[in-house]
């Protein structure tokens, strides 16, 4: 079968990276899967001529859909592309699906004006997202298709190389867009707390390639006020190999990933960190209770309660618990590997 996934933002990470992983999983099963992004926000530069990935304006999308002879077109949270995906009466039939990955009130607002009667169905990555969508699309039962984790880029290490981490320095990491939803300012405030608790820390923020100049200046201004300029490292984009190395460095040094998001639809970065043996100190998000098993590697807190964050930080292990790392890796790799996604996709298509 021939599939086309369409999305507005061609970014490094997030939904865009998830679509690349789904494309690989589907091609490995003998399907053709193309991707279309109506904006290039840095993704094209890291693809190295990868086949089946297109960028362009609305007219480019209409041409691709018309000429591609796709059996299924899946549009992710981009209503302007969704409206152009349905075939005209004289064109070959195709099934058009909506895939919802946003969880914010503003992001979901387009569903309130959506006529879902022409859709083949609605897809979501978690049951948590399914409930959010069902509230807005009466009579629709979304199909849950789990995200695909990159098992090659984030493998389980048999041994942790403690000598790679600076002696006495605890490394912490935060990953996300520099926006209010990801709560980057609160992450800096807690980095200041970590510095007061442990003395010598390294705090790395990953993401924000599309952030405005004003946001970047605000980041360093706040870091300066908090005395973090000698502690903070900002990497606006990064490849998976380097990111996995940072996660392992955090786990090896007694550090953790901080998750300050107000909400998530899945938590890809958090899952990748856990697979590399990096613990989480995370806002107690409902979706994380669905995606992740109970584990000492996950410290759930109310991020608006500083004393809870402090207790979680003090409870971090000084060295990785190899058994806990193995258990959570096995759970995530089996539940969110490419095979699990394909089983769910086939079930949705056959429903």
Foldseek 3Di string as FASTA:
>chain_A
DEEEEEEAEQDFDDPNVLLVQLQVLVVVVVYHYAYEYADYLPNVVPCVPDPRYYYHHPVVLLVCLQPVPGQEYEYELDVVSQVSNADDPPGDHHAYEYEYWDDDPVSCVVLLVDDCPRHLAYEAQFVVVQVSSCVRHPPGRHFHFHTAADCVLQAEDPDADLVVADPQEAEEEEEDALDVQQPVLLVLVVVLVVCVVRVHYAYEYEAHSVPDPVSVVVVVVSCVVSVCPVRYDYHHHDDSNVLLVSLSNNQAQLHAYEGPGPEGRACRVQLSSLLSQHAYEYAQYPNCPVRFPDALSYQYDNSVDVVSSVVNSVPGDRHGDSVRSVVRNVVNCVCRHSVSSVVSVVVSVVD
